[in-house]
Amino acid sequence: MSDALENIVLKREKSKRRLSGIKNLPSVPLIMMEISKLLDNPRTGASDLGRLISKDQALVAKILTVANSPLYGLPRRVATIEFAVVILGFDHIKNIVMALSMMDAFHSNEDKYWNRHAYWIHSLITASAAKRIADDLGYRKTGEAFTCGLLHDLGISVIQKYFHDEFIDICTLVEDQKMRYLSAEQKVLGITHQEIGQFLAEKWNLPPILAEGILHHHQPSLAQDEKVLAAIVHLADYMTVRFSLGNFNWDDCTDLDTSVIDILNLGDEQYLESFIESYYELFQVQLESYNY
């Protein structure tokens, strides 16, 4: 093993130990446990779930933002959480609340290199686009596509919050040496934000399909059990870069993994190109809806 590779391996093990040893790493929020308990009761109705969610008005506002997203594709405006439950269904609401809870749990402060609003907008657009692509391709697990899209870059916020000195080093390498973020993550931490995201998904006992989708959202061809979900999130993520949406720079160097052509049955590169371009106006409307 070369010295450089051995150094990365040592950093990787050190980063994993630090991640596992973080005592204040958020646990599953109470509202998620309460929602799961409600959904286990076959007599639970939309009004019961609506009342529980309504206790957290910030969560209500975010769910309604999601439901009324142009990319999300609902045919009419959703004004109340009860109607959101009815029109989206229990499983979709659970997925949305789970993803939003994780985003809030790893909330971090802004600094020179971290624009929290830009991160939130990027995550939300990727999530909504992933669901829309899943719908358009007839992929049945649209709720999982949304959740995985929202959480795909969660590992970045964890690096910013819990490995802040290393976060600054990573950003400095990108800024001064024009290194790609993924390469800088490997150099500094020996681990990438995808691997950290996978760790968190497993810690929260999220479905394995989500953990794998997060891990391979940059290269879905490497996924073992669920390439389709990883490919959908990868394509949605790539489109945000392709269409220059928002100011979240971490994914600026995202390359398209053309394996999505075969994984998603998109024919050839020419058809893939037209498929991507067909979403351009919808993405623009989505961004404008956030008054960005």
Protein backbone atom coordinates (compact mmCIF):
# COMPACT_ATOMS: atom_id res chain seq x y z
CA MET A 1 0.00 0.00 0.00
CA SER A 2 1.39 3.42 -0.95
CA ASP A 3 1.97 6.04 1.74
CA ALA A 4 -0.72 8.28 0.25
CA LEU A 5 -3.32 5.51 0.24
CA GLU A 6 -2.37 4.39 3.73
CA ASN A 7 -2.77 7.98 4.93
CA ILE A 8 -6.30 8.15 3.47
CA VAL A 9 -7.22 4.83 5.08
CA LEU A 10 -5.99 6.06 8.48
CA LYS A 11 -7.95 9.31 8.10
CA ARG A 12 -11.02 7.32 7.09
CA GLU A 13 -10.89 5.17 10.21
CA LYS A 14 -10.29 8.22 12.39
CA SER A 15 -13.26 10.05 10.83
CA LYS A 16 -15.53 7.02 11.32
CA ARG A 17 -14.50 6.76 14.99
CA ARG A 18 -15.18 10.46 15.51
CA LEU A 19 -18.56 10.17 13.80
CA SER A 20 -19.53 7.17 15.92
CA GLY A 21 -18.34 8.92 19.05
CA ILE A 22 -20.25 12.18 18.64
CA LYS A 23 -22.35 12.21 21.79
CA ASN A 24 -24.76 14.93 20.68
CA LEU A 25 -25.51 13.39 17.28
CA PRO A 26 -29.29 13.85 17.01
CA SER A 27 -31.56 10.88 17.62
CA VAL A 28 -34.90 10.23 15.94
CA PRO A 29 -37.21 13.19 16.79
CA LEU A 30 -40.22 12.60 19.04
CA ILE A 31 -42.65 13.59 16.30
CA MET A 32 -41.34 10.80 14.06
CA MET A 33 -41.93 8.23 16.79
CA GLU A 34 -45.41 9.63 17.43
CA ILE A 35 -46.28 9.54 13.73
CA SER A 36 -45.06 5.95 13.42
CA LYS A 37 -47.19 5.01 16.42
CA LEU A 38 -50.24 6.66 14.87
CA LEU A 39 -49.70 4.96 11.53
CA ASP A 40 -49.50 1.57 13.24
CA ASN A 41 -53.13 2.08 14.31
CA PRO A 42 -55.48 1.15 11.44
CA ARG A 43 -58.14 3.50 12.87
CA THR A 44 -55.94 6.59 12.44
CA GLY A 45 -57.49 9.13 10.08
CA ALA A 46 -56.18 12.16 8.21
CA SER A 47 -57.49 14.50 10.91
CA ASP A 48 -55.58 12.57 13.63
CA LEU A 49 -52.32 12.81 11.71
CA GLY A 50 -53.04 16.43 10.80
CA ARG A 51 -53.55 17.39 14.44
CA LEU A 52 -50.26 15.81 15.46
CA ILE A 53 -48.25 17.49 12.70
CA SER A 54 -50.00 20.83 13.36
CA LYS A 55 -48.29 20.99 16.76
CA ASP A 56 -45.16 22.01 14.84
CA GLN A 57 -46.09 24.99 12.68
CA ALA A 58 -42.62 25.22 11.14
CA LEU A 59 -43.02 21.62 9.97
CA VAL A 60 -46.51 22.41 8.63
CA ALA A 61 -45.13 25.30 6.58
CA LYS A 62 -42.41 23.10 5.08
CA ILE A 63 -44.82 20.28 4.22
CA LEU A 64 -47.14 22.75 2.47
CA THR A 65 -44.15 24.21 0.61
CA VAL A 66 -43.30 20.72 -0.61
CA ALA A 67 -46.90 19.88 -1.54
CA ASN A 68 -47.28 23.08 -3.55
CA SER A 69 -43.94 22.72 -5.32
CA PRO A 70 -44.34 22.92 -9.13
CA LEU A 71 -42.05 19.91 -9.53
CA TYR A 72 -44.06 17.90 -7.03
CA GLY A 73 -46.84 17.88 -9.57
CA LEU A 74 -50.06 18.06 -7.54
CA PRO A 75 -53.02 19.25 -9.64
CA ARG A 76 -54.33 21.82 -7.15
CA ARG A 77 -53.06 24.03 -4.35
CA VAL A 78 -52.83 22.47 -0.90
CA ALA A 79 -53.84 24.93 1.84
CA THR A 80 -54.12 22.74 4.96
CA ILE A 81 -52.11 19.93 6.46
CA GLU A 82 -55.23 17.73 6.62
CA PHE A 83 -55.74 18.10 2.88
CA ALA A 84 -52.04 17.40 2.33
CA VAL A 85 -52.46 14.12 4.24
CA VAL A 86 -55.51 13.20 2.16
CA ILE A 87 -54.03 14.03 -1.23
CA LEU A 88 -50.51 12.73 -0.57
CA GLY A 89 -51.38 9.71 1.55
CA PHE A 90 -49.98 8.53 4.87
CA ASP A 91 -46.83 6.95 3.44
CA HIS A 92 -45.82 10.08 1.52
CA ILE A 93 -46.44 12.29 4.55
CA LYS A 94 -44.37 9.97 6.72
CA ASN A 95 -41.52 10.09 4.20
CA ILE A 96 -41.67 13.89 3.99
CA VAL A 97 -41.78 14.35 7.79
CA MET A 98 -38.90 11.89 8.22
CA ALA A 99 -36.73 13.73 5.71
CA LEU A 100 -37.60 17.19 7.03
CA SER A 101 -36.94 16.03 10.61
CA MET A 102 -33.47 14.84 9.65
CA MET A 103 -32.74 18.11 7.88
CA ASP A 104 -33.80 20.06 10.98
CA ALA A 105 -31.91 17.76 13.34
CA PHE A 106 -28.62 18.58 11.63
CA HIS A 107 -29.34 22.29 11.38
CA SER A 108 -26.09 24.28 11.37
CA ASN A 109 -25.01 27.90 11.47
CA GLU A 110 -23.84 29.82 8.44
CA ASP A 111 -20.25 30.85 7.90
CA LYS A 112 -18.01 32.06 5.08
CA TYR A 113 -18.30 28.75 3.23
CA TRP A 114 -21.79 27.64 4.25
CA ASN A 115 -25.03 29.13 2.93
CA ARG A 116 -27.74 27.24 4.80
CA HIS A 117 -30.55 28.65 2.66
CA ALA A 118 -28.81 27.64 -0.56
CA TYR A 119 -28.31 24.12 0.85
CA TRP A 120 -31.99 23.88 1.77
CA ILE A 121 -33.17 25.09 -1.64
CA HIS A 122 -30.82 22.70 -3.46
CA SER A 123 -32.00 19.77 -1.34
CA LEU A 124 -35.67 20.63 -1.80
CA ILE A 125 -35.38 21.07 -5.58
CA THR A 126 -33.46 17.79 -5.90
CA ALA A 127 -36.10 16.02 -3.80
CA SER A 128 -39.05 17.42 -5.75
CA ALA A 129 -37.32 16.70 -9.06
CA ALA A 130 -36.50 13.14 -7.99
CA LYS A 131 -40.17 12.52 -7.19
CA ARG A 132 -41.26 14.05 -10.50
CA ILE A 133 -38.76 11.94 -12.48
CA ALA A 134 -39.90 8.85 -10.56
CA ASP A 135 -43.53 9.66 -11.45
CA ASP A 136 -42.67 10.27 -15.11
CA LEU A 137 -40.72 7.00 -15.37
CA GLY A 138 -43.39 4.95 -13.59
CA TYR A 139 -41.14 4.17 -10.61
CA ARG A 140 -43.51 3.22 -7.82
CA LYS A 141 -41.40 4.33 -4.84
CA THR A 142 -41.92 8.04 -5.41
CA GLY A 143 -41.95 8.80 -1.68
CA GLU A 144 -38.54 7.20 -1.29
CA ALA A 145 -37.30 9.18 -4.30
CA PHE A 146 -38.34 12.42 -2.58
CA THR A 147 -36.81 11.43 0.76
CA CYS A 148 -33.54 10.28 -0.76
CA GLY A 149 -33.37 13.46 -2.84
CA LEU A 150 -33.87 15.65 0.21
CA LEU A 151 -31.24 13.78 2.24
CA HIS A 152 -28.67 13.09 -0.48
CA ASP A 153 -26.27 15.81 0.72
CA LEU A 154 -27.01 15.56 4.45
CA GLY A 155 -23.43 14.40 5.02
CA ILE A 156 -22.16 17.81 3.90
CA SER A 157 -24.04 19.60 6.68
CA VAL A 158 -22.68 17.06 9.16
CA ILE A 159 -19.12 17.80 8.03
CA GLN A 160 -19.82 21.53 8.39
CA LYS A 161 -21.29 21.10 11.88
CA TYR A 162 -19.21 18.35 13.50
CA PHE A 163 -15.96 18.48 11.52
CA HIS A 164 -15.80 22.23 11.10
CA ASP A 165 -12.01 22.62 10.97
CA GLU A 166 -11.85 19.92 8.31
CA PHE A 167 -14.77 21.57 6.51
CA ILE A 168 -12.73 24.77 6.25
CA ASP A 169 -9.73 22.76 5.00
CA ILE A 170 -11.89 21.12 2.32
CA CYS A 171 -13.28 24.43 1.13
CA THR A 172 -9.81 25.97 1.13
CA LEU A 173 -8.46 23.15 -1.06
CA VAL A 174 -11.33 23.70 -3.50
CA GLU A 175 -10.84 27.47 -3.49
CA ASP A 176 -7.03 27.61 -3.63
CA GLN A 177 -6.10 24.45 -5.51
CA LYS A 178 -9.25 24.09 -7.64
CA MET A 179 -9.70 20.58 -6.26
CA ARG A 180 -13.11 18.94 -6.57
CA TYR A 181 -15.11 18.70 -3.37
CA LEU A 182 -15.22 14.91 -3.35
CA SER A 183 -11.46 14.69 -3.83
CA ALA A 184 -10.93 17.27 -1.09
CA GLU A 185 -13.21 15.31 1.27
CA GLN A 186 -11.16 12.18 0.64
CA LYS A 187 -7.88 14.04 1.12
CA VAL A 188 -8.92 15.72 4.38
CA LEU A 189 -11.26 13.18 5.98
CA GLY A 190 -10.61 9.97 4.09
CA ILE A 191 -14.38 9.71 3.79
CA THR A 192 -17.04 11.40 1.62
CA HIS A 193 -20.31 13.10 2.41
CA GLN A 194 -22.15 10.18 0.76
CA GLU A 195 -20.63 7.71 3.23
CA ILE A 196 -21.50 9.98 6.15
CA GLY A 197 -25.06 10.26 4.83
CA GLN A 198 -25.27 6.48 4.63
CA PHE A 199 -24.01 6.20 8.23
CA LEU A 200 -26.73 8.57 9.45
CA ALA A 201 -29.45 6.78 7.50
CA GLU A 202 -28.42 3.51 9.11
CA LYS A 203 -28.16 5.13 12.58
CA TRP A 204 -31.76 6.35 12.21
CA ASN A 205 -32.88 2.92 10.99
CA LEU A 206 -34.08 4.28 7.67
CA PRO A 207 -34.87 1.70 4.98
CA PRO A 208 -31.72 0.22 3.40
CA ILE A 209 -32.90 1.47 -0.01
CA LEU A 210 -32.46 5.06 1.22
CA ALA A 211 -29.03 4.44 2.72
CA GLU A 212 -27.83 2.93 -0.55
CA GLY A 213 -29.38 5.70 -2.64
CA ILE A 214 -27.59 8.33 -0.54
CA LEU A 215 -24.29 6.44 -0.72
CA HIS A 216 -24.34 6.15 -4.51
CA HIS A 217 -26.08 9.34 -5.61
CA HIS A 218 -22.92 10.46 -7.43
CA GLN A 219 -22.32 7.11 -9.14
CA PRO A 220 -25.50 4.99 -9.25
CA SER A 221 -23.77 2.29 -11.30
CA LEU A 222 -22.02 1.21 -8.06
CA ALA A 223 -25.29 0.50 -6.22
CA GLN A 224 -25.84 -3.18 -5.51
CA ASP A 225 -29.52 -3.65 -4.66
CA GLU A 226 -31.34 -0.51 -5.80
CA LYS A 227 -29.69 1.18 -8.75
CA VAL A 228 -32.93 2.82 -9.93
CA LEU A 229 -33.42 5.03 -6.87
CA ALA A 230 -29.76 6.09 -6.88
CA ALA A 231 -29.99 6.84 -10.62
CA ILE A 232 -33.14 8.97 -10.22
CA VAL A 233 -31.58 11.05 -7.42
CA HIS A 234 -28.33 11.34 -9.39
CA LEU A 235 -30.22 12.61 -12.43
CA ALA A 236 -32.21 15.13 -10.37
CA ASP A 237 -29.01 16.30 -8.65
CA TYR A 238 -27.20 16.61 -11.99
CA MET A 239 -30.06 18.67 -13.44
CA THR A 240 -29.71 21.28 -10.68
CA VAL A 241 -26.09 21.73 -11.75
CA ARG A 242 -26.85 21.54 -15.46
CA PHE A 243 -29.50 24.28 -15.15
CA SER A 244 -27.39 26.38 -12.73
CA LEU A 245 -30.09 26.47 -10.06
CA GLY A 246 -29.32 28.25 -6.81
CA ASN A 247 -26.05 29.10 -5.12
CA PHE A 248 -25.10 25.78 -3.58
CA ASN A 249 -21.61 25.22 -4.97
CA TRP A 250 -20.72 21.84 -3.45
CA ASP A 251 -22.10 19.92 -6.42
CA ASP A 252 -20.72 22.22 -9.12
CA CYS A 253 -18.43 19.51 -10.43
CA THR A 254 -21.05 16.76 -10.54
CA ASP A 255 -20.50 14.65 -13.65
CA LEU A 256 -23.33 12.77 -15.29
CA ASP A 257 -23.01 9.02 -14.80
CA THR A 258 -24.25 7.83 -18.20
CA SER A 259 -25.07 4.44 -16.71
CA VAL A 260 -28.45 6.03 -15.91
CA ILE A 261 -29.33 5.40 -19.57
CA ASP A 262 -29.42 1.65 -19.04
CA ILE A 263 -30.57 1.74 -15.42
CA LEU A 264 -33.60 3.92 -16.23
CA ASN A 265 -34.20 2.54 -19.74
CA LEU A 266 -33.66 5.92 -21.39
CA GLY A 267 -32.58 4.55 -24.77
CA ASP A 268 -29.41 6.37 -25.76
CA GLU A 269 -27.45 9.55 -25.05
CA GLN A 270 -29.52 11.58 -27.51
CA TYR A 271 -32.77 10.59 -25.80
CA LEU A 272 -31.24 11.22 -22.36
CA GLU A 273 -30.28 14.73 -23.51
CA SER A 274 -33.82 15.50 -24.68
CA PHE A 275 -35.23 13.99 -21.48
CA ILE A 276 -33.06 16.28 -19.35
CA GLU A 277 -33.87 19.38 -21.42
CA SER A 278 -37.61 18.67 -21.13
CA TYR A 279 -37.37 19.56 -17.42
CA TYR A 280 -35.67 22.94 -17.87
CA GLU A 281 -38.75 25.18 -17.71
CA LEU A 282 -40.22 23.23 -14.80
CA PHE A 283 -37.00 23.69 -12.83
CA GLN A 284 -37.05 27.43 -13.53
CA VAL A 285 -40.65 27.73 -12.32
CA GLN A 286 -39.70 25.72 -9.24
CA LEU A 287 -36.84 28.10 -8.38
CA GLU A 288 -39.01 31.18 -8.97
CA SER A 289 -41.66 29.74 -6.61
CA TYR A 290 -39.12 30.02 -3.80
CA ASN A 291 -38.49 33.71 -4.67
CA TYR A 292 -34.81 32.85 -4.93
